[in-house]
């Protein structure tokens, strides 16, 4: 699922002690859980299921433990995705992951504004929550989509904070300090 090293380095720069693992016991003893992602929704869901991590993630969020989902790591929390043959997500949140419109360049790569700050994006699909009250940051690229969601202990971002210079490190630092 992609960019583990760069996300780990960015979290360390934000003050975290990072362990990159898929070992449920090690994850369970952590203070916070970050699921980054680059890749394909269906393959990601398959990998999580094969490693018995979907129940772990659902339980983690159910216990209100700090969760950070980056790009694909937030998309998998939703009901469905149009990517590939259409796949079910974890259904933590109702809503769909849909392809960005063809009237703009896809993938959406580069800097874009989210409520007055600029972050780096690299994606072809975006989250559309059924409950807009969980959206704490919007972005536009062809259509308006949720760039940042917050609900309970969950922070999910469509952009890549690890590639977003000072704004990204500040976001990560805030999450690390809260965890």
Protein backbone atom coordinates (compact mmCIF):
# COMPACT_ATOMS: atom_id res chain seq x y z
CA UNK A 1 0.00 0.00 0.00
CA UNK A 2 2.71 2.37 -0.93
CA UNK A 3 4.35 5.26 0.76
CA UNK A 4 5.24 3.78 4.16
CA UNK A 5 8.78 5.14 4.36
CA UNK A 6 7.91 8.75 3.50
CA UNK A 7 4.92 8.76 5.87
CA UNK A 8 7.07 7.24 8.63
CA UNK A 9 9.77 9.88 8.17
CA UNK A 10 7.18 12.68 8.20
CA UNK A 11 5.59 11.32 11.39
CA UNK A 12 9.02 11.15 13.00
CA UNK A 13 9.63 14.77 11.98
CA UNK A 14 6.32 15.58 13.68
CA UNK A 15 7.53 13.98 16.92
CA UNK A 16 6.23 10.40 16.71
CA UNK A 17 8.07 7.19 17.40
CA UNK A 18 7.16 5.08 14.36
CA UNK A 19 6.86 1.35 13.90
CA UNK A 20 5.95 0.09 10.43
CA UNK A 21 4.16 -3.21 11.00
CA UNK A 22 1.18 -5.36 10.14
CA UNK A 23 1.53 -7.38 13.37
CA UNK A 24 -1.80 -7.03 15.23
CA UNK A 25 -0.12 -7.34 18.66
CA UNK A 26 2.34 -4.56 17.90
CA UNK A 27 -0.39 -2.38 16.44
CA UNK A 28 -2.57 -3.00 19.50
CA UNK A 29 0.12 -1.70 21.86
CA UNK A 30 0.54 1.55 19.89
CA UNK A 31 -0.80 4.96 20.90
CA UNK A 32 -2.03 5.85 17.42
CA UNK A 33 -2.64 4.08 14.12
CA UNK A 34 -1.81 5.62 10.75
CA UNK A 35 -2.92 3.83 7.60
CA UNK A 36 -1.34 5.51 4.59
CA UNK A 37 -1.95 4.46 1.08
CA UNK A 38 -1.12 4.57 -2.53
CA UNK A 39 -2.65 1.92 -4.64
CA UNK A 40 -5.88 0.27 -5.64
CA UNK A 41 -8.90 0.16 -3.33
CA UNK A 42 -9.81 -3.50 -3.92
CA UNK A 43 -6.25 -4.73 -3.54
CA UNK A 44 -5.90 -2.72 -0.35
CA UNK A 45 -9.11 -4.22 1.10
CA UNK A 46 -7.90 -7.72 0.15
CA UNK A 47 -4.51 -7.13 1.81
CA UNK A 48 -6.13 -5.79 4.99
CA UNK A 49 -8.51 -8.76 5.16
CA UNK A 50 -5.75 -11.33 4.52
CA UNK A 51 -3.78 -9.87 7.43
CA UNK A 52 -6.87 -9.79 9.69
CA UNK A 53 -6.55 -6.02 9.94
CA UNK A 54 -10.06 -4.93 8.93
CA UNK A 55 -11.50 -6.08 12.27
CA UNK A 56 -8.53 -4.61 14.11
CA UNK A 57 -9.05 -1.22 12.43
CA UNK A 58 -12.81 -1.28 13.04
CA UNK A 59 -12.22 -2.19 16.69
CA UNK A 60 -9.55 0.48 17.03
CA UNK A 61 -11.92 3.16 15.74
CA UNK A 62 -14.80 1.72 17.80
CA UNK A 63 -12.67 2.15 20.92
CA UNK A 64 -12.07 5.82 19.97
CA UNK A 65 -8.31 5.32 19.60
CA UNK A 66 -6.44 7.84 17.40
CA UNK A 67 -6.60 6.86 13.71
CA UNK A 68 -5.07 8.75 10.79
CA UNK A 69 -6.04 7.64 7.30
CA UNK A 70 -4.06 9.13 4.41
CA UNK A 71 -5.46 8.93 0.85
CA UNK A 72 -6.40 5.26 0.39
CA UNK A 73 -6.22 4.93 4.19
CA UNK A 74 -9.30 7.17 4.50
CA UNK A 75 -11.06 5.82 1.41
CA UNK A 76 -11.22 2.25 2.79
CA UNK A 77 -13.27 3.50 5.75
CA UNK A 78 -16.25 4.22 3.47
CA UNK A 79 -19.00 1.96 2.11
CA UNK A 80 -18.01 1.50 -1.52
CA UNK A 81 -15.55 2.48 -4.22
CA UNK A 82 -16.01 2.78 -7.95
CA UNK A 83 -12.39 1.81 -8.47
CA UNK A 84 -11.89 -1.38 -10.43
CA UNK A 85 -14.95 -3.61 -10.40
CA UNK A 86 -16.45 -1.70 -7.49
CA UNK A 87 -15.56 -2.92 -4.04
CA UNK A 88 -17.03 -2.68 -0.60
CA UNK A 89 -15.08 -0.80 2.00
CA UNK A 90 -15.03 -1.18 5.77
CA UNK A 91 -18.31 0.75 6.18
CA UNK A 92 -17.06 2.73 9.17
CA UNK A 93 -18.70 5.70 7.43
CA UNK A 94 -21.51 5.77 4.92
CA UNK A 95 -20.53 7.23 1.57
CA UNK A 96 -18.84 6.43 -1.69
CA UNK A 97 -15.42 6.79 -3.21
CA UNK A 98 -15.93 7.99 -6.77
CA UNK A 99 -13.68 8.69 -9.73
CA UNK A 100 -12.75 12.30 -10.33
CA UNK A 101 -14.53 13.71 -13.39
CA UNK A 102 -12.88 13.36 -16.78
CA UNK A 103 -13.32 17.09 -17.45
CA UNK A 104 -10.13 17.69 -15.40
CA UNK A 105 -6.70 16.09 -15.38
CA UNK A 106 -6.79 12.70 -13.67
CA UNK A 107 -4.97 11.81 -11.56
CA UNK A 108 -5.16 15.01 -9.56
CA UNK A 109 -1.46 15.58 -8.87
CA UNK A 110 -0.04 18.69 -7.30
CA UNK A 111 -0.88 21.41 -4.83
CA UNK A 112 -4.43 22.45 -4.11
CA UNK A 113 -6.18 24.52 -1.50
CA UNK A 114 -8.07 23.09 1.45
CA UNK A 115 -9.76 25.84 3.45
CA UNK A 116 -6.98 28.38 3.01
CA UNK A 117 -3.96 26.04 3.21
CA UNK A 118 -2.20 24.22 0.39
CA UNK A 119 -1.56 20.48 0.44
CA UNK A 120 -0.16 18.01 -2.08
CA UNK A 121 -2.61 15.63 -3.77
CA UNK A 122 -2.05 12.49 -5.84
CA UNK A 123 -5.30 10.61 -6.46
CA UNK A 124 -7.89 9.61 -9.05
CA UNK A 125 -10.76 8.84 -6.64
CA UNK A 126 -12.27 10.96 -3.87
CA UNK A 127 -14.50 10.48 -0.85
CA UNK A 128 -18.09 11.69 -0.78
CA UNK A 129 -19.45 11.11 2.74
CA UNK A 130 -23.20 10.63 3.19
CA UNK A 131 -22.90 12.81 6.32
CA UNK A 132 -21.28 16.14 5.37
CA UNK A 133 -20.92 17.08 9.05
CA UNK A 134 -17.80 14.88 9.27
CA UNK A 135 -16.07 16.95 6.57
CA UNK A 136 -13.64 19.47 8.05
CA UNK A 137 -11.99 20.45 4.76
CA UNK A 138 -13.22 20.63 1.18
CA UNK A 139 -11.31 20.75 -2.10
CA UNK A 140 -12.28 21.21 -5.72
CA UNK A 141 -10.85 19.45 -8.72
CA UNK A 142 -13.59 19.10 -11.29
CA UNK A 143 -16.06 18.56 -8.46
CA UNK A 144 -16.10 19.37 -4.77
CA UNK A 145 -14.93 16.49 -2.56
CA UNK A 146 -14.01 15.84 1.06
CA UNK A 147 -10.31 16.54 1.49
CA UNK A 148 -10.35 16.12 5.27
CA UNK A 149 -12.76 14.31 7.57
CA UNK A 150 -12.93 14.20 11.34
CA UNK A 151 -15.19 12.07 13.45
CA UNK A 152 -14.43 11.02 17.00
CA UNK A 153 -10.85 9.78 17.04
CA UNK A 154 -10.62 9.57 13.23
CA UNK A 155 -8.75 12.05 11.08
CA UNK A 156 -8.75 11.22 7.39
CA UNK A 157 -7.15 13.21 4.60
CA UNK A 158 -7.30 12.75 0.83
CA UNK A 159 -4.06 14.70 0.39
CA UNK A 160 -0.57 13.57 1.36
CA UNK A 161 0.68 15.45 4.44
CA UNK A 162 4.06 13.74 4.09
CA UNK A 163 4.50 15.58 0.77
CA UNK A 164 2.90 18.85 1.88
CA UNK A 165 5.87 20.71 3.41
CA UNK A 166 5.20 22.76 6.56
CA UNK A 167 1.40 22.52 6.35
CA UNK A 168 1.62 18.73 6.25
CA UNK A 169 4.10 18.46 9.12
CA UNK A 170 1.93 20.82 11.18
CA UNK A 171 -1.12 18.63 10.58
CA UNK A 172 0.86 15.52 11.54
CA UNK A 173 2.31 17.22 14.62
CA UNK A 174 -1.19 18.16 15.80
CA UNK A 175 -2.34 14.55 15.34
CA UNK A 176 0.75 13.12 17.09
CA UNK A 177 0.34 15.47 20.05
CA UNK A 178 -3.34 14.55 20.39
CA UNK A 179 -2.56 10.82 20.22
